[in-house]
Amino acid sequence: MSELTTTAAFDVKGLTYAFPDSTVGLQDVNIDLPSGSRTLLVGANGAGKSTLLRILAGKTLSKTGSVRIYGFDPFRTSVTGVTYLGTEWAANPVVRHDMPVPVLLASVGGDAFPDRRDQLLDILDVDLRWHMHAVSDGERRRVQLVMGLLRPWNILMLDEVTVDLDVLVRARLLSFLRTETESRPCAILYATHIFDGLADWPSHLLHIHLGRILSTGRTTDIIAKYLQETADQDVHHHDKQQQQLVKYNNNSALLNLALAWLSSDLADRGARETVKKLKWEDVSPEDKQGGLSSFEEYFKFSRAR
């Protein structure tokens, strides 16, 4: 058995991270995920998902706690086989120039893995005749994924990069990633807000809220516990609202669990806020009517035409 299969893919202990303005982004995070795991990272916007992924990828340093990827510190050690794919790539001006797709693929070693390259081109439906300045955001995202997945990886971290994909391409990609974790020692941590079609894909779930890990473990265990709790609990006002969401969606237990987690997170965040959200009626007439920038003036009148 190789070292990768006997060492935890993600081993995080007491991780705390503060932004330069001293705002705490992560607090006492502990994670233990095995090789072969496909973990879905669930959390609302601002919960700390991207911060966590960037630290695990070695792109951001945290001075408090211990972070190990297959036994190595990703920031202080050059860990091979760690791939992080985020949304910022598609917004890079460089990849919006008149650049042929084969040039981009060659720049990351497209000829070194011809079989894998051709498989990914087919799965992600990428046309080698494309030029990057003349494709859609979804097509640009698919090129990013081919480039990022071209070299075999041991750890893959995906931060909302499937949001631009159509349902078929996304399903084919997830099937490919599942096969990867089942055929060789590797692991995936995937942050997304789209849960359709994921019912049996993640082996593990990780729920993050306000920088803290609230729940982590095997998907089957967490969903079984959730289903038992929802069957046993009394129906209060918030529970009725949640039941309506579940009935409306008529979807998998995973989606309904995510809805329950995020609904609870929203209620908890509101209860913790010392300064409540501003309501429309609280905005003064002067603020509603005055002080428009030139851009806002343009948008205001162009929309009225």
Protein backbone atom coordinates (compact mmCIF):
# COMPACT_ATOMS: atom_id res chain seq x y z
CA MET A 1 0.00 0.00 0.00
CA SER A 2 1.41 3.39 -0.99
CA GLU A 3 2.11 6.19 1.47
CA LEU A 4 -0.74 8.26 0.01
CA THR A 5 -3.33 5.62 0.90
CA THR A 6 -2.10 5.28 4.49
CA THR A 7 -1.87 9.02 5.27
CA ALA A 8 -4.88 11.30 5.72
CA ALA A 9 -5.47 13.45 2.65
CA PHE A 10 -6.50 16.44 4.79
CA ASP A 11 -5.31 16.67 8.40
CA VAL A 12 -6.11 20.05 9.98
CA LYS A 13 -5.88 20.79 13.69
CA GLY A 14 -6.78 24.04 15.48
CA LEU A 15 -6.60 26.17 12.34
CA THR A 16 -7.43 29.82 12.99
CA TYR A 17 -7.01 32.58 10.44
CA ALA A 18 -7.41 36.36 10.75
CA PHE A 19 -7.50 38.81 7.86
CA PRO A 20 -5.13 41.83 7.82
CA ASP A 21 -7.84 43.97 9.44
CA SER A 22 -7.94 41.43 12.34
CA THR A 23 -11.32 40.05 11.31
CA VAL A 24 -11.41 36.33 12.11
CA GLY A 25 -12.03 34.29 8.98
CA LEU A 26 -11.56 30.78 10.41
CA GLN A 27 -11.66 29.68 14.03
CA ASP A 28 -10.41 26.40 15.52
CA VAL A 29 -10.98 24.37 12.36
CA ASN A 30 -10.34 20.63 12.63
CA ILE A 31 -10.58 18.34 9.58
CA ASP A 32 -9.63 14.71 9.03
CA LEU A 33 -10.45 13.37 5.56
CA PRO A 34 -9.06 10.15 4.08
CA SER A 35 -7.53 9.43 0.72
CA GLY A 36 -10.24 8.55 -1.78
CA SER A 37 -12.71 10.99 -0.25
CA ARG A 38 -14.92 13.34 -2.25
CA THR A 39 -15.95 16.02 0.22
CA LEU A 40 -18.67 18.57 -0.39
CA LEU A 41 -17.95 21.87 1.40
CA VAL A 42 -21.30 23.44 2.35
CA GLY A 43 -21.68 26.99 3.62
CA ALA A 44 -23.31 30.32 2.87
CA ASN A 45 -21.52 33.17 1.12
CA GLY A 46 -18.91 34.54 3.52
CA ALA A 47 -18.82 31.40 5.65
CA GLY A 48 -15.09 30.88 5.04
CA LYS A 49 -15.09 28.29 2.24
CA SER A 50 -12.71 30.12 -0.10
CA THR A 51 -10.39 31.12 2.75
CA LEU A 52 -10.18 27.51 3.90
CA LEU A 53 -9.50 26.21 0.39
CA ARG A 54 -6.76 28.75 -0.25
CA ILE A 55 -5.01 27.86 3.01
CA LEU A 56 -5.24 24.13 2.24
CA ALA A 57 -3.83 24.82 -1.23
CA GLY A 58 -0.85 26.65 0.28
CA LYS A 59 -1.85 29.98 -1.29
CA THR A 60 -2.47 31.68 2.06
CA LEU A 61 -0.52 31.30 5.30
CA SER A 62 -2.15 30.83 8.67
CA LYS A 63 0.11 31.23 11.71
CA THR A 64 -2.17 29.37 14.09
CA GLY A 65 -2.84 25.65 13.90
CA SER A 66 -1.54 22.74 11.88
CA VAL A 67 -2.33 22.01 8.22
CA ARG A 68 -1.15 18.80 6.55
CA ILE A 69 -1.88 17.58 3.04
CA TYR A 70 -0.87 13.93 2.82
CA GLY A 71 1.46 14.65 5.73
CA PHE A 72 3.06 17.83 4.31
CA ASP A 73 2.56 21.51 5.11
CA PRO A 74 1.28 22.93 1.79
CA PHE A 75 2.60 26.44 2.45
CA ARG A 76 6.08 25.66 3.73
CA THR A 77 6.72 22.57 1.62
CA SER A 78 6.49 22.25 -2.14
CA VAL A 79 3.75 19.62 -2.20
CA THR A 80 3.39 18.07 -5.63
CA GLY A 81 0.01 17.02 -6.95
CA VAL A 82 -2.07 19.74 -5.25
CA THR A 83 -4.44 21.47 -7.68
CA TYR A 84 -6.64 24.43 -6.77
CA LEU A 85 -9.19 25.78 -9.26
CA GLY A 86 -11.06 28.97 -8.38
CA THR A 87 -13.29 31.44 -10.18
CA GLU A 88 -10.71 34.20 -10.58
CA TRP A 89 -8.97 32.49 -13.52
CA ALA A 90 -11.74 33.19 -16.03
CA ALA A 91 -11.67 36.90 -15.15
CA ASN A 92 -7.93 37.20 -15.85
CA PRO A 93 -7.42 39.60 -18.79
CA VAL A 94 -4.65 37.37 -20.14
CA VAL A 95 -7.05 34.50 -20.90
CA ARG A 96 -9.45 36.89 -22.66
CA HIS A 97 -6.96 37.74 -25.40
CA ASP A 98 -7.02 36.31 -28.90
CA MET A 99 -5.31 33.11 -27.85
CA PRO A 100 -5.96 29.67 -29.42
CA VAL A 101 -6.91 26.90 -27.00
CA PRO A 102 -4.07 24.57 -28.20
CA VAL A 103 -1.52 27.22 -27.19
CA LEU A 104 -2.93 27.31 -23.65
CA LEU A 105 -2.98 23.52 -23.37
CA ALA A 106 0.58 23.24 -24.68
CA SER A 107 1.72 25.75 -22.05
CA VAL A 108 0.70 23.34 -19.27
CA GLY A 109 2.14 20.21 -20.88
CA GLY A 110 -0.70 19.10 -23.11
CA ASP A 111 1.58 16.74 -25.06
CA ALA A 112 2.80 15.01 -21.88
CA PHE A 113 -0.59 13.39 -21.17
CA PRO A 114 -2.22 12.88 -24.59
CA ASP A 115 -4.79 10.27 -23.50
CA ARG A 116 -5.87 12.27 -20.48
CA ARG A 117 -5.92 15.49 -22.53
CA ASP A 118 -8.16 13.98 -25.20
CA GLN A 119 -10.47 12.45 -22.58
CA LEU A 120 -10.92 15.81 -20.83
CA LEU A 121 -11.46 17.63 -24.14
CA ASP A 122 -14.27 15.19 -24.86
CA ILE A 123 -15.83 15.26 -21.37
CA LEU A 124 -15.80 19.07 -21.19
CA ASP A 125 -16.76 19.46 -24.86
CA VAL A 126 -13.90 21.84 -25.69
CA ASP A 127 -13.33 22.73 -29.35
CA LEU A 128 -9.66 23.16 -30.25
CA ARG A 129 -10.65 25.79 -32.82
CA TRP A 130 -11.77 28.16 -30.05
CA HIS A 131 -9.98 31.46 -29.42
CA MET A 132 -10.28 32.70 -25.85
CA HIS A 133 -11.50 36.20 -26.72
CA ALA A 134 -14.43 34.80 -28.69
CA VAL A 135 -15.93 32.25 -26.30
CA SER A 136 -18.54 32.44 -23.55
CA ASP A 137 -17.80 32.39 -19.81
CA GLY A 138 -18.95 28.78 -19.67
CA GLU A 139 -16.66 27.77 -22.51
CA ARG A 140 -13.77 29.67 -20.93
CA ARG A 141 -14.43 27.79 -17.69
CA ARG A 142 -14.29 24.47 -19.50
CA VAL A 143 -10.88 25.35 -20.94
CA GLN A 144 -9.70 26.19 -17.40
CA LEU A 145 -10.85 22.79 -16.17
CA VAL A 146 -9.08 20.93 -18.97
CA MET A 147 -5.87 22.83 -18.15
CA GLY A 148 -6.22 22.30 -14.40
CA LEU A 149 -7.06 18.61 -14.55
CA LEU A 150 -4.59 17.72 -17.31
CA ARG A 151 -1.82 16.61 -14.97
CA PRO A 152 -2.82 13.84 -12.55
CA TRP A 153 -3.32 15.32 -9.09
CA ASN A 154 -3.34 13.89 -5.58
CA ILE A 155 -5.45 16.67 -4.06
CA LEU A 156 -8.06 18.63 -5.99
CA MET A 157 -9.80 21.70 -4.55
CA LEU A 158 -12.66 23.22 -6.53
CA ASP A 159 -14.06 26.60 -5.50
CA GLU A 160 -17.34 27.25 -7.36
CA VAL A 161 -15.73 26.48 -10.73
CA THR A 162 -18.68 24.41 -11.99
CA VAL A 163 -21.19 27.27 -11.70
CA ASP A 164 -20.84 28.19 -15.40
CA LEU A 165 -21.21 24.64 -16.71
CA ASP A 166 -24.36 23.30 -18.29
CA VAL A 167 -26.00 20.34 -16.57
CA LEU A 168 -24.66 17.71 -18.98
CA VAL A 169 -21.03 18.84 -18.90
CA ARG A 170 -21.18 19.15 -15.12
CA ALA A 171 -22.56 15.61 -14.76
CA ARG A 172 -19.86 14.20 -17.04
CA LEU A 173 -17.15 16.05 -15.13
CA LEU A 174 -18.39 14.81 -11.75
CA SER A 175 -18.49 11.25 -13.10
CA PHE A 176 -14.86 11.60 -14.24
CA LEU A 177 -13.81 12.96 -10.84
CA ARG A 178 -15.56 10.11 -9.05
CA THR A 179 -13.72 7.58 -11.20
CA GLU A 180 -10.43 9.32 -10.37
CA THR A 181 -10.93 8.88 -6.60
CA GLU A 182 -11.99 5.26 -7.04
CA SER A 183 -9.10 4.25 -9.30
CA ARG A 184 -6.05 5.88 -7.67
CA PRO A 185 -5.01 7.51 -4.35
CA CYS A 186 -6.37 11.06 -4.41
CA ALA A 187 -9.01 13.23 -2.74
CA ILE A 188 -11.33 16.12 -3.64
CA LEU A 189 -12.70 19.06 -1.65
CA TYR A 190 -15.50 20.73 -3.61
CA ALA A 191 -17.26 23.99 -2.67
CA THR A 192 -20.49 24.65 -4.54
CA HIS A 193 -23.96 26.11 -4.10
CA ILE A 194 -25.48 23.78 -6.71
CA PHE A 195 -26.61 20.48 -5.16
CA ASP A 196 -28.72 19.02 -7.97
CA GLY A 197 -27.29 15.73 -9.15
CA LEU A 198 -24.96 15.38 -6.16
CA ALA A 199 -27.07 12.99 -4.06
CA ASP A 200 -24.65 10.06 -4.17
CA TRP A 201 -21.49 11.85 -5.34
CA PRO A 202 -19.86 13.08 -2.10
CA SER A 203 -18.40 10.48 0.24
CA HIS A 204 -18.11 13.13 2.98
CA LEU A 205 -19.77 16.41 3.95
CA LEU A 206 -18.23 19.41 5.68
CA HIS A 207 -20.50 22.19 6.97
CA ILE A 208 -18.83 25.55 7.66
CA HIS A 209 -20.55 28.57 9.23
CA LEU A 210 -18.97 31.89 10.27
CA GLY A 211 -15.52 30.34 10.02
CA ARG A 212 -16.31 27.31 12.19
CA ILE A 213 -16.83 23.69 11.21
CA LEU A 214 -20.26 22.70 12.49
CA SER A 215 -20.44 19.21 11.06
CA THR A 216 -18.16 16.82 9.21
CA GLY A 217 -18.23 13.12 8.47
CA ARG A 218 -19.41 10.49 6.03
CA THR A 219 -22.36 11.58 3.91
CA THR A 220 -24.42 8.50 4.68
CA ASP A 221 -24.02 8.99 8.44
CA ILE A 222 -24.84 12.71 8.40
CA ILE A 223 -27.91 12.30 6.17
CA ALA A 224 -29.19 9.37 8.24
CA LYS A 225 -28.90 11.51 11.37
CA TYR A 226 -30.63 14.43 9.66
CA LEU A 227 -33.52 12.26 8.45
CA GLN A 228 -33.96 10.81 11.93
CA GLU A 229 -33.94 14.26 13.53
CA THR A 230 -36.46 15.68 11.06
CA ALA A 231 -38.73 12.71 11.65
CA ASP A 232 -38.60 13.14 15.44
CA GLN A 233 -38.61 16.92 15.88
CA ASP A 234 -41.59 19.04 16.84
CA VAL A 235 -42.92 21.31 14.11
CA HIS A 236 -42.15 24.92 15.06
CA HIS A 237 -42.54 27.98 12.85
CA HIS A 238 -39.03 27.71 11.38
CA ASP A 239 -39.49 23.98 10.84
CA LYS A 240 -42.74 24.60 8.94
CA GLN A 241 -40.92 27.00 6.65
CA GLN A 242 -38.21 24.42 6.10
CA GLN A 243 -40.81 21.71 5.37
CA GLN A 244 -42.34 23.95 2.70
CA LEU A 245 -38.92 24.31 1.08
CA VAL A 246 -38.45 20.54 1.14
CA LYS A 247 -41.90 19.94 -0.34
CA TYR A 248 -41.34 22.56 -3.03
CA ASN A 249 -38.00 21.14 -4.10
CA ASN A 250 -39.03 17.49 -3.89
CA ASN A 251 -35.36 16.67 -4.26
CA SER A 252 -32.70 14.54 -2.63
CA ALA A 253 -32.05 14.31 1.09
CA LEU A 254 -28.69 15.97 0.43
CA LEU A 255 -30.30 19.10 -1.03
CA ASN A 256 -32.83 19.23 1.79
CA LEU A 257 -30.03 18.85 4.35
CA ALA A 258 -28.12 21.71 2.70
CA LEU A 259 -31.28 23.84 2.80
CA ALA A 260 -31.72 23.09 6.50
CA TRP A 261 -28.09 23.92 7.28
CA LEU A 262 -28.10 27.18 5.32
CA SER A 263 -31.50 28.25 6.72
CA SER A 264 -30.21 27.67 10.24
CA ASP A 265 -26.98 29.52 9.41
CA LEU A 266 -28.94 32.52 8.14
CA ALA A 267 -31.09 32.63 11.27
CA ASP A 268 -28.02 32.30 13.50
CA ARG A 269 -26.14 35.02 11.62
CA GLY A 270 -29.09 37.38 11.98
CA ALA A 271 -29.29 36.71 15.71
CA ARG A 272 -25.57 37.49 16.12
CA GLU A 273 -25.55 40.73 14.16
CA THR A 274 -25.16 43.70 16.48
CA VAL A 275 -25.99 46.09 13.65
CA LYS A 276 -29.15 44.96 11.91
CA LYS A 277 -29.54 45.09 8.16
CA LEU A 278 -30.83 48.36 6.77
CA LYS A 279 -34.37 48.15 5.46
CA TRP A 280 -35.59 50.05 2.42
CA GLU A 281 -37.90 52.22 4.53
CA ASP A 282 -34.91 53.24 6.66
CA VAL A 283 -33.13 54.80 3.69
CA SER A 284 -33.66 58.56 3.50
CA PRO A 285 -35.30 60.08 0.39
CA GLU A 286 -32.10 62.04 -0.20
CA ASP A 287 -30.03 58.85 -0.35
CA LYS A 288 -32.54 57.26 -2.70
CA GLN A 289 -32.62 60.19 -5.13
CA GLY A 290 -29.36 62.10 -4.81
CA GLY A 291 -25.69 61.49 -5.34
CA LEU A 292 -25.90 59.30 -8.44
CA SER A 293 -22.56 58.74 -10.11
CA SER A 294 -22.19 59.25 -13.84
CA PHE A 295 -22.42 55.48 -14.32
CA GLU A 296 -25.60 55.27 -12.27
CA GLU A 297 -27.07 58.19 -14.21
CA TYR A 298 -26.28 56.41 -17.46
CA PHE A 299 -27.76 53.14 -16.24
CA LYS A 300 -30.85 54.91 -14.90
CA PHE A 301 -31.66 56.60 -18.20
CA SER A 302 -30.57 53.81 -20.52
CA ARG A 303 -32.85 51.42 -18.65
CA ALA A 304 -35.77 53.82 -18.95
CA ARG A 305 -35.54 53.96 -22.75
